[in-house]
Amino acid sequence: MKCRVGCGACCIVPSISSPIPGMPEGKPAGIRCIQLTEDNQCRLVGLPDRPTVCSHFKAVVDVCGHDDQQAWVLITQLETLTQ
């Protein structure tokens, strides 16, 4: 599936332990990534500074569901299970 433009769940819900430009310690779960624009677009797409974990993330129904609300629920469940 293609990433739903404007969703942003994968850039807000999970913790990211890798350094992110502007967030050298990574980001805690539930905190908006500093590189996420107001319309939930990543400023780092295609740039070498983008964390590997972000570059390797692929939107799939099992993680992203069928709409933005499902993405938030599913990613929250995954984050809780992997803490």
C-alpha atoms as a PDB file:
ATOM      1  CA  MET A   1       0.000   0.000   0.000  1.00  0.00           C
ATOM      2  CA  LYS A   2       1.045   3.603  -0.346  1.00  0.00           C
ATOM      3  CA  CYS A   3       1.523   5.839   2.659  1.00  0.00           C
ATOM      4  CA  ARG A   4      -1.557   8.004   3.280  1.00  0.00           C
ATOM      5  CA  VAL A   5      -0.454  11.578   2.779  1.00  0.00           C
ATOM      6  CA  GLY A   6      -1.118  13.641   5.887  1.00  0.00           C
ATOM      7  CA  CYS A   7      -1.586  10.753   8.343  1.00  0.00           C
ATOM      8  CA  GLY A   8       1.593  11.240  10.405  1.00  0.00           C
ATOM      9  CA  ALA A   9       0.848   8.422  12.878  1.00  0.00           C
ATOM     10  CA  CYS A  10       4.222   6.744  12.297  1.00  0.00           C
ATOM     11  CA  CYS A  11       5.983  10.049  13.059  1.00  0.00           C
ATOM     12  CA  ILE A  12       4.076  10.755  16.270  1.00  0.00           C
ATOM     13  CA  VAL A  13       2.919   7.550  17.973  1.00  0.00           C
ATOM     14  CA  PRO A  14       6.064   5.377  18.218  1.00  0.00           C
ATOM     15  CA  SER A  15       9.274   6.095  20.031  1.00  0.00           C
ATOM     16  CA  ILE A  16      12.329   6.428  17.785  1.00  0.00           C
ATOM     17  CA  SER A  17      15.653   5.707  19.473  1.00  0.00           C
ATOM     18  CA  SER A  18      17.796   6.868  16.545  1.00  0.00           C
ATOM     19  CA  PRO A  19      19.023  10.459  16.457  1.00  0.00           C
ATOM     20  CA  ILE A  20      16.881  12.741  14.302  1.00  0.00           C
ATOM     21  CA  PRO A  21      18.089  16.160  13.138  1.00  0.00           C
ATOM     22  CA  GLY A  22      16.830  18.504  15.844  1.00  0.00           C
ATOM     23  CA  MET A  23      16.176  15.560  18.207  1.00  0.00           C
ATOM     24  CA  PRO A  24      19.634  14.082  18.916  1.00  0.00           C
ATOM     25  CA  GLU A  25      18.281  11.677  21.548  1.00  0.00           C
ATOM     26  CA  GLY A  26      15.522  10.403  19.246  1.00  0.00           C
ATOM     27  CA  LYS A  27      11.892  10.957  20.195  1.00  0.00           C
ATOM     28  CA  PRO A  28       9.641   9.504  22.856  1.00  0.00           C
ATOM     29  CA  ALA A  29       6.357   7.804  22.004  1.00  0.00           C
ATOM     30  CA  GLY A  30       3.492  10.220  21.515  1.00  0.00           C
ATOM     31  CA  ILE A  31       5.743  13.181  20.760  1.00  0.00           C
ATOM     32  CA  ARG A  32       5.539  14.745  17.319  1.00  0.00           C
ATOM     33  CA  CYS A  33       8.788  14.463  15.363  1.00  0.00           C
ATOM     34  CA  ILE A  34      10.353  17.887  14.929  1.00  0.00           C
ATOM     35  CA  GLN A  35      10.796  17.105  11.225  1.00  0.00           C
ATOM     36  CA  LEU A  36       7.068  16.638  10.670  1.00  0.00           C
ATOM     37  CA  THR A  37       5.446  19.613   8.947  1.00  0.00           C
ATOM     38  CA  GLU A  38       2.096  21.113   9.942  1.00  0.00           C
ATOM     39  CA  ASP A  39       0.428  19.038   7.215  1.00  0.00           C
ATOM     40  CA  ASN A  40       2.167  15.865   8.474  1.00  0.00           C
ATOM     41  CA  GLN A  41       4.814  15.563   5.781  1.00  0.00           C
ATOM     42  CA  CYS A  42       8.391  14.534   6.615  1.00  0.00           C
ATOM     43  CA  ARG A  43      10.956  17.215   5.828  1.00  0.00           C
ATOM     44  CA  LEU A  44      13.680  14.549   5.550  1.00  0.00           C
ATOM     45  CA  VAL A  45      12.255  12.312   2.805  1.00  0.00           C
ATOM     46  CA  GLY A  46      15.015  11.692   0.285  1.00  0.00           C
ATOM     47  CA  LEU A  47      17.703  13.323   2.434  1.00  0.00           C
ATOM     48  CA  PRO A  48      20.729  11.503   3.877  1.00  0.00           C
ATOM     49  CA  ASP A  49      19.929  12.821   7.389  1.00  0.00           C
ATOM     50  CA  ARG A  50      16.717  10.793   7.544  1.00  0.00           C
ATOM     51  CA  PRO A  51      17.059   8.057  10.179  1.00  0.00           C
ATOM     52  CA  THR A  52      17.433   4.550   8.758  1.00  0.00           C
ATOM     53  CA  VAL A  53      14.452   3.312  10.764  1.00  0.00           C
ATOM     54  CA  CYS A  54      12.289   5.942   9.073  1.00  0.00           C
ATOM     55  CA  SER A  55      13.642   5.226   5.596  1.00  0.00           C
ATOM     56  CA  HIS A  56      12.967   1.521   6.006  1.00  0.00           C
ATOM     57  CA  PHE A  57       9.410   1.924   7.282  1.00  0.00           C
ATOM     58  CA  LYS A  58       6.879   0.731   4.723  1.00  0.00           C
ATOM     59  CA  ALA A  59       3.158   1.334   4.999  1.00  0.00           C
ATOM     60  CA  VAL A  60       1.285  -1.962   5.272  1.00  0.00           C
ATOM     61  CA  VAL A  61      -2.325  -2.634   6.221  1.00  0.00           C
ATOM     62  CA  ASP A  62      -1.287  -4.625   9.317  1.00  0.00           C
ATOM     63  CA  VAL A  63       0.392  -1.516  10.739  1.00  0.00           C
ATOM     64  CA  CYS A  64      -1.472   1.347   9.082  1.00  0.00           C
ATOM     65  CA  GLY A  65      -4.972  -0.093   8.847  1.00  0.00           C
ATOM     66  CA  HIS A  66      -7.467   1.232   6.338  1.00  0.00           C
ATOM     67  CA  ASP A  67      -7.601   4.830   7.559  1.00  0.00           C
ATOM     68  CA  ASP A  68      -5.686   7.289   9.744  1.00  0.00           C
ATOM     69  CA  GLN A  69      -7.653   6.415  12.878  1.00  0.00           C
ATOM     70  CA  GLN A  70      -6.817   2.718  12.506  1.00  0.00           C
ATOM     71  CA  ALA A  71      -3.156   3.630  11.994  1.00  0.00           C
ATOM     72  CA  TRP A  72      -3.107   5.463  15.328  1.00  0.00           C
ATOM     73  CA  VAL A  73      -4.732   2.506  17.120  1.00  0.00           C
ATOM     74  CA  LEU A  74      -2.516  -0.159  15.529  1.00  0.00           C
ATOM     75  CA  ILE A  75       0.750   1.738  15.946  1.00  0.00           C
ATOM     76  CA  THR A  76      -0.149   2.537  19.565  1.00  0.00           C
ATOM     77  CA  GLN A  77      -0.735  -1.182  20.199  1.00  0.00           C
ATOM     78  CA  LEU A  78       2.606  -2.065  18.589  1.00  0.00           C
ATOM     79  CA  GLU A  79       4.403   0.576  20.633  1.00  0.00           C
ATOM     80  CA  THR A  80       2.852  -0.755  23.843  1.00  0.00           C
ATOM     81  CA  LEU A  81       3.797  -4.343  22.997  1.00  0.00           C
ATOM     82  CA  THR A  82       7.424  -3.449  22.229  1.00  0.00           C
ATOM     83  CA  GLN A  83       8.217  -1.309  25.268  1.00  0.00           C
END
